């Protein structure tokens, strides 16, 4: 499993710049949506916490 934290994203933005980060993110999302059927997906997992709900939507491919 690959977990990306806020600190990870901050580090990437500092290294590559905000605009480059956003372009890379958009290109990766487009690519992944084009191969959506290749991913293993599971239904949302709801975790109730004080003040709300956290909904996890696990998705994986052969790499992650």
PDB file of N, CA and C in Angstrom:
ATOM      1  N   UNK A   1       0.848  -1.173   0.000  1.00  0.00           N
ATOM      2  CA  UNK A   1       0.000   0.000   0.000  1.00  0.00           C
ATOM      3  C   UNK A   1       0.892   1.233   0.000  1.00  0.00           C
ATOM      4  N   UNK A   2       0.469   2.251  -0.727  1.00  0.00           N
ATOM      5  CA  UNK A   2       1.180   3.523  -0.779  1.00  0.00           C
ATOM      6  C   UNK A   2       0.319   4.579  -0.123  1.00  0.00           C
ATOM      7  N   UNK A   3       0.803   5.153   0.953  1.00  0.00           N
ATOM      8  CA  UNK A   3       0.099   6.210   1.658  1.00  0.00           C
ATOM      9  C   UNK A   3       0.863   7.510   1.436  1.00  0.00           C
ATOM     10  N   UNK A   4       0.188   8.515   0.916  1.00  0.00           N
ATOM     11  CA  UNK A   4       0.817   9.807   0.662  1.00  0.00           C
ATOM     12  C   UNK A   4       0.292  10.789   1.697  1.00  0.00           C
ATOM     13  N   UNK A   5       1.194  11.373   2.440  1.00  0.00           N
ATOM     14  CA  UNK A   5       0.826  12.296   3.509  1.00  0.00           C
ATOM     15  C   UNK A   5       0.860  13.746   3.018  1.00  0.00           C
ATOM     16  N   UNK A   6       0.322  14.638   3.819  1.00  0.00           N
ATOM     17  CA  UNK A   6       0.383  16.063   3.521  1.00  0.00           C
ATOM     18  C   UNK A   6       1.846  16.505   3.429  1.00  0.00           C
ATOM     19  N   UNK A   7       2.678  15.968   4.293  1.00  0.00           N
ATOM     20  CA  UNK A   7       4.097  16.314   4.269  1.00  0.00           C
ATOM     21  C   UNK A   7       4.749  15.871   2.957  1.00  0.00           C
ATOM     22  N   UNK A   8       4.363  14.695   2.452  1.00  0.00           N
ATOM     23  CA  UNK A   8       4.884  14.226   1.164  1.00  0.00           C
ATOM     24  C   UNK A   8       4.519  15.197   0.043  1.00  0.00           C
ATOM     25  N   UNK A   9       3.267  15.618   0.020  1.00  0.00           N
ATOM     26  CA  UNK A   9       2.814  16.536  -1.026  1.00  0.00           C
ATOM     27  C   UNK A   9       3.523  17.879  -0.908  1.00  0.00           C
ATOM     28  N   UNK A  10       3.687  18.380   0.294  1.00  0.00           N
ATOM     29  CA  UNK A  10       4.417  19.639   0.489  1.00  0.00           C
ATOM     30  C   UNK A  10       5.839  19.529  -0.042  1.00  0.00           C
ATOM     31  N   UNK A  11       6.488  18.420   0.212  1.00  0.00           N
ATOM     32  CA  UNK A  11       7.865  18.205  -0.251  1.00  0.00           C
ATOM     33  C   UNK A  11       7.923  18.178  -1.783  1.00  0.00           C
ATOM     34  N   UNK A  12       6.982  17.486  -2.400  1.00  0.00           N
ATOM     35  CA  UNK A  12       6.941  17.406  -3.867  1.00  0.00           C
ATOM     36  C   UNK A  12       6.723  18.794  -4.468  1.00  0.00           C
ATOM     37  N   UNK A  13       5.798  19.555  -3.910  1.00  0.00           N
ATOM     38  CA  UNK A  13       5.522  20.899  -4.428  1.00  0.00           C
ATOM     39  C   UNK A  13       6.749  21.793  -4.289  1.00  0.00           C
ATOM     40  N   UNK A  14       7.436  21.702  -3.175  1.00  0.00           N
ATOM     41  CA  UNK A  14       8.644  22.511  -2.981  1.00  0.00           C
ATOM     42  C   UNK A  14       9.734  22.136  -3.983  1.00  0.00           C
ATOM     43  N   UNK A  15       9.854  20.845  -4.306  1.00  0.00           N
ATOM     44  CA  UNK A  15      10.901  20.390  -5.225  1.00  0.00           C
ATOM     45  C   UNK A  15      10.571  20.704  -6.682  1.00  0.00           C
ATOM     46  N   UNK A  16       9.314  20.566  -7.076  1.00  0.00           N
ATOM     47  CA  UNK A  16       8.943  20.638  -8.485  1.00  0.00           C
ATOM     48  C   UNK A  16       8.128  21.873  -8.858  1.00  0.00           C
ATOM     49  N   UNK A  17       7.643  22.604  -7.872  1.00  0.00           N
ATOM     50  CA  UNK A  17       6.812  23.769  -8.149  1.00  0.00           C
ATOM     51  C   UNK A  17       5.342  23.385  -8.241  1.00  0.00           C
ATOM     52  N   UNK A  18       4.496  24.307  -7.863  1.00  0.00           N
ATOM     53  CA  UNK A  18       3.063  24.037  -7.809  1.00  0.00           C
ATOM     54  C   UNK A  18       2.487  23.720  -9.187  1.00  0.00           C
ATOM     55  N   UNK A  19       2.819  24.534 -10.201  1.00  0.00           N
ATOM     56  CA  UNK A  19       2.264  24.312 -11.537  1.00  0.00           C
ATOM     57  C   UNK A  19       2.680  22.961 -12.105  1.00  0.00           C
ATOM     58  N   UNK A  20       3.939  22.575 -11.937  1.00  0.00           N
ATOM     59  CA  UNK A  20       4.391  21.262 -12.411  1.00  0.00           C
ATOM     60  C   UNK A  20       3.678  20.140 -11.670  1.00  0.00           C
ATOM     61  N   UNK A  21       3.489  20.316 -10.368  1.00  0.00           N
ATOM     62  CA  UNK A  21       2.770  19.316  -9.570  1.00  0.00           C
ATOM     63  C   UNK A  21       1.348  19.135 -10.098  1.00  0.00           C
ATOM     64  N   UNK A  22       0.652  20.247 -10.343  1.00  0.00           N
ATOM     65  CA  UNK A  22      -0.738  20.169 -10.805  1.00  0.00           C
ATOM     66  C   UNK A  22      -0.824  19.537 -12.198  1.00  0.00           C
ATOM     67  N   UNK A  23       0.098  19.877 -13.094  1.00  0.00           N
ATOM     68  CA  UNK A  23       0.086  19.285 -14.433  1.00  0.00           C
ATOM     69  C   UNK A  23       0.347  17.778 -14.354  1.00  0.00           C
ATOM     70  N   UNK A  24       1.323  17.374 -13.552  1.00  0.00           N
ATOM     71  CA  UNK A  24       1.610  15.942 -13.383  1.00  0.00           C
ATOM     72  C   UNK A  24       0.412  15.217 -12.782  1.00  0.00           C
ATOM     73  N   UNK A  25      -0.228  15.830 -11.797  1.00  0.00           N
ATOM     74  CA  UNK A  25      -1.406  15.238 -11.157  1.00  0.00           C
ATOM     75  C   UNK A  25      -2.536  15.051 -12.163  1.00  0.00           C
ATOM     76  N   UNK A  26      -2.817  16.086 -12.951  1.00  0.00           N
ATOM     77  CA  UNK A  26      -3.896  15.990 -13.942  1.00  0.00           C
ATOM     78  C   UNK A  26      -3.590  14.924 -14.996  1.00  0.00           C
ATOM     79  N   UNK A  27      -2.349  14.865 -15.453  1.00  0.00           N
ATOM     80  CA  UNK A  27      -1.985  13.865 -16.462  1.00  0.00           C
ATOM     81  C   UNK A  27      -2.094  12.446 -15.909  1.00  0.00           C
ATOM     82  N   UNK A  28      -1.701  12.261 -14.657  1.00  0.00           N
ATOM     83  CA  UNK A  28      -1.793  10.938 -14.036  1.00  0.00           C
ATOM     84  C   UNK A  28      -3.248  10.534 -13.842  1.00  0.00           C
ATOM     85  N   UNK A  29      -4.076  11.461 -13.386  1.00  0.00           N
ATOM     86  CA  UNK A  29      -5.502  11.157 -13.212  1.00  0.00           C
ATOM     87  C   UNK A  29      -6.154  10.796 -14.542  1.00  0.00           C
ATOM     88  N   UNK A  30      -5.862  11.540 -15.598  1.00  0.00           N
ATOM     89  CA  UNK A  30      -6.409  11.227 -16.925  1.00  0.00           C
ATOM     90  C   UNK A  30      -5.989   9.832 -17.363  1.00  0.00           C
ATOM     91  N   UNK A  31      -4.722   9.525 -17.187  1.00  0.00           N
ATOM     92  CA  UNK A  31      -4.202   8.214 -17.578  1.00  0.00           C
ATOM     93  C   UNK A  31      -4.880   7.100 -16.791  1.00  0.00           C
ATOM     94  N   UNK A  32      -5.024   7.298 -15.480  1.00  0.00           N
ATOM     95  CA  UNK A  32      -5.641   6.271 -14.644  1.00  0.00           C
ATOM     96  C   UNK A  32      -7.127   6.092 -14.956  1.00  0.00           C
ATOM     97  N   UNK A  33      -7.847   7.165 -15.223  1.00  0.00           N
ATOM     98  CA  UNK A  33      -9.256   7.023 -15.579  1.00  0.00           C
ATOM     99  C   UNK A  33      -9.424   6.294 -16.905  1.00  0.00           C
ATOM    100  N   UNK A  34      -8.457   6.456 -17.816  1.00  0.00           N
ATOM    101  CA  UNK A  34      -8.517   5.744 -19.096  1.00  0.00           C
ATOM    102  C   UNK A  34      -8.339   4.239 -18.937  1.00  0.00           C
ATOM    103  N   UNK A  35      -7.751   3.802 -17.838  1.00  0.00           N
ATOM    104  CA  UNK A  35      -7.570   2.373 -17.594  1.00  0.00           C
ATOM    105  C   UNK A  35      -8.312   1.918 -16.322  1.00  0.00           C
ATOM    106  N   UNK A  36      -9.418   2.568 -16.037  1.00  0.00           N
ATOM    107  CA  UNK A  36     -10.202   2.323 -14.824  1.00  0.00           C
ATOM    108  C   UNK A  36     -10.541   0.851 -14.631  1.00  0.00           C
ATOM    109  N   UNK A  37     -10.849   0.133 -15.700  1.00  0.00           N
ATOM    110  CA  UNK A  37     -11.244  -1.275 -15.585  1.00  0.00           C
ATOM    111  C   UNK A  37     -10.110  -2.182 -15.138  1.00  0.00           C
ATOM    112  N   UNK A  38      -8.874  -1.716 -15.209  1.00  0.00           N
ATOM    113  CA  UNK A  38      -7.727  -2.515 -14.771  1.00  0.00           C
ATOM    114  C   UNK A  38      -7.544  -2.509 -13.254  1.00  0.00           C
ATOM    115  N   UNK A  39      -8.227  -1.602 -12.563  1.00  0.00           N
ATOM    116  CA  UNK A  39      -8.043  -1.460 -11.120  1.00  0.00           C
ATOM    117  C   UNK A  39      -8.960  -2.397 -10.343  1.00  0.00           C
ATOM    118  N   UNK A  40      -8.453  -2.855  -9.213  1.00  0.00           N
ATOM    119  CA  UNK A  40      -9.277  -3.574  -8.242  1.00  0.00           C
ATOM    120  C   UNK A  40      -9.891  -2.519  -7.334  1.00  0.00           C
ATOM    121  N   UNK A  41     -11.204  -2.554  -7.199  1.00  0.00           N
ATOM    122  CA  UNK A  41     -11.899  -1.553  -6.400  1.00  0.00           C
ATOM    123  C   UNK A  41     -12.736  -2.249  -5.329  1.00  0.00           C
ATOM    124  N   UNK A  42     -12.946  -1.564  -4.229  1.00  0.00           N
ATOM    125  CA  UNK A  42     -13.841  -2.084  -3.198  1.00  0.00           C
ATOM    126  C   UNK A  42     -14.789  -0.964  -2.786  1.00  0.00           C
ATOM    127  N   UNK A  43     -15.944  -1.330  -2.233  1.00  0.00           N
ATOM    128  CA  UNK A  43     -16.911  -0.309  -1.817  1.00  0.00           C
ATOM    129  C   UNK A  43     -16.322   0.610  -0.752  1.00  0.00           C
ATOM    130  N   UNK A  44     -16.952   1.723  -0.586  1.00  0.00           N
ATOM    131  CA  UNK A  44     -16.511   2.673   0.437  1.00  0.00           C
ATOM    132  C   UNK A  44     -16.543   2.034   1.815  1.00  0.00           C
ATOM    133  N   UNK A  45     -15.546   2.376   2.588  1.00  0.00           N
ATOM    134  CA  UNK A  45     -15.486   1.945   3.979  1.00  0.00           C
ATOM    135  C   UNK A  45     -15.687   3.195   4.828  1.00  0.00           C
ATOM    136  N   UNK A  46     -16.763   3.244   5.576  1.00  0.00           N
ATOM    137  CA  UNK A  46     -17.071   4.415   6.401  1.00  0.00           C
ATOM    138  C   UNK A  46     -16.571   4.198   7.816  1.00  0.00           C
ATOM    139  N   UNK A  47     -15.855   5.183   8.326  1.00  0.00           N
ATOM    140  CA  UNK A  47     -15.370   5.174   9.700  1.00  0.00           C
ATOM    141  C   UNK A  47     -15.979   6.393  10.390  1.00  0.00           C
ATOM    142  N   UNK A  48     -16.810   6.154  11.389  1.00  0.00           N
ATOM    143  CA  UNK A  48     -17.469   7.247  12.097  1.00  0.00           C
ATOM    144  C   UNK A  48     -16.546   7.754  13.206  1.00  0.00           C
ATOM    145  N   UNK A  49     -16.338   9.055  13.201  1.00  0.00           N
ATOM    146  CA  UNK A  49     -15.493   9.711  14.194  1.00  0.00           C
ATOM    147  C   UNK A  49     -16.278  10.871  14.789  1.00  0.00           C
ATOM    148  N   UNK A  50     -15.796  11.404  15.903  1.00  0.00           N
ATOM    149  CA  UNK A  50     -16.459  12.561  16.505  1.00  0.00           C
ATOM    150  C   UNK A  50     -16.551  13.676  15.471  1.00  0.00           C
ATOM    151  N   UNK A  51     -17.739  14.148  15.216  1.00  0.00           N
ATOM    152  CA  UNK A  51     -17.917  15.264  14.308  1.00  0.00           C
ATOM    153  C   UNK A  51     -18.040  14.906  12.844  1.00  0.00           C
ATOM    154  N   UNK A  52     -18.053  13.610  12.496  1.00  0.00           N
ATOM    155  CA  UNK A  52     -18.204  13.294  11.081  1.00  0.00           C
ATOM    156  C   UNK A  52     -17.885  11.863  10.726  1.00  0.00           C
ATOM    157  N   UNK A  53     -17.646  11.675   9.447  1.00  0.00           N
ATOM    158  CA  UNK A  53     -17.362  10.352   8.893  1.00  0.00           C
ATOM    159  C   UNK A  53     -16.187  10.475   7.939  1.00  0.00           C
ATOM    160  N   UNK A  54     -15.270   9.524   8.013  1.00  0.00           N
ATOM    161  CA  UNK A  54     -14.181   9.420   7.049  1.00  0.00           C
ATOM    162  C   UNK A  54     -14.543   8.278   6.112  1.00  0.00           C
ATOM    163  N   UNK A  55     -14.576   8.548   4.815  1.00  0.00           N
ATOM    164  CA  UNK A  55     -14.892   7.507   3.845  1.00  0.00           C
ATOM    165  C   UNK A  55     -13.650   7.170   3.034  1.00  0.00           C
ATOM    166  N   UNK A  56     -13.252   5.907   3.114  1.00  0.00           N
ATOM    167  CA  UNK A  56     -12.104   5.426   2.362  1.00  0.00           C
ATOM    168  C   UNK A  56     -12.606   4.732   1.107  1.00  0.00           C
ATOM    169  N   UNK A  57     -11.936   4.954  -0.014  1.00  0.00           N
ATOM    170  CA  UNK A  57     -12.337   4.353  -1.274  1.00  0.00           C
ATOM    171  C   UNK A  57     -11.105   3.660  -1.877  1.00  0.00           C
ATOM    172  N   UNK A  58     -10.785   2.446  -1.390  1.00  0.00           N
ATOM    173  CA  UNK A  58      -9.576   1.760  -1.840  1.00  0.00           C
ATOM    174  C   UNK A  58      -9.611   1.395  -3.323  1.00  0.00           C
ATOM    175  N   UNK A  59      -8.485   1.647  -3.987  1.00  0.00           N
ATOM    176  CA  UNK A  59      -8.293   1.301  -5.389  1.00  0.00           C
ATOM    177  C   UNK A  59      -6.844   0.838  -5.526  1.00  0.00           C
ATOM    178  N   UNK A  60      -6.636  -0.237  -6.309  1.00  0.00           N
ATOM    179  CA  UNK A  60      -5.276  -0.734  -6.496  1.00  0.00           C
ATOM    180  C   UNK A  60      -5.123  -1.316  -7.888  1.00  0.00           C
ATOM    181  N   UNK A  61      -3.897  -1.282  -8.376  1.00  0.00           N
ATOM    182  CA  UNK A  61      -3.582  -1.997  -9.614  1.00  0.00           C
ATOM    183  C   UNK A  61      -2.450  -2.964  -9.302  1.00  0.00           C
ATOM    184  N   UNK A  62      -1.878  -3.579 -10.296  1.00  0.00           N
ATOM    185  CA  UNK A  62      -0.824  -4.552 -10.064  1.00  0.00           C
ATOM    186  C   UNK A  62       0.439  -3.957  -9.477  1.00  0.00           C
ATOM    187  N   UNK A  63       0.596  -2.643  -9.608  1.00  0.00           N
ATOM    188  CA  UNK A  63       1.801  -1.975  -9.110  1.00  0.00           C
ATOM    189  C   UNK A  63       1.627  -1.514  -7.663  1.00  0.00           C
ATOM    190  N   UNK A  64       0.463  -0.943  -7.346  1.00  0.00           N
ATOM    191  CA  UNK A  64       0.189  -0.441  -5.984  1.00  0.00           C
ATOM    192  C   UNK A  64      -1.041  -1.101  -5.424  1.00  0.00           C
TER     193      UNK A  64
END
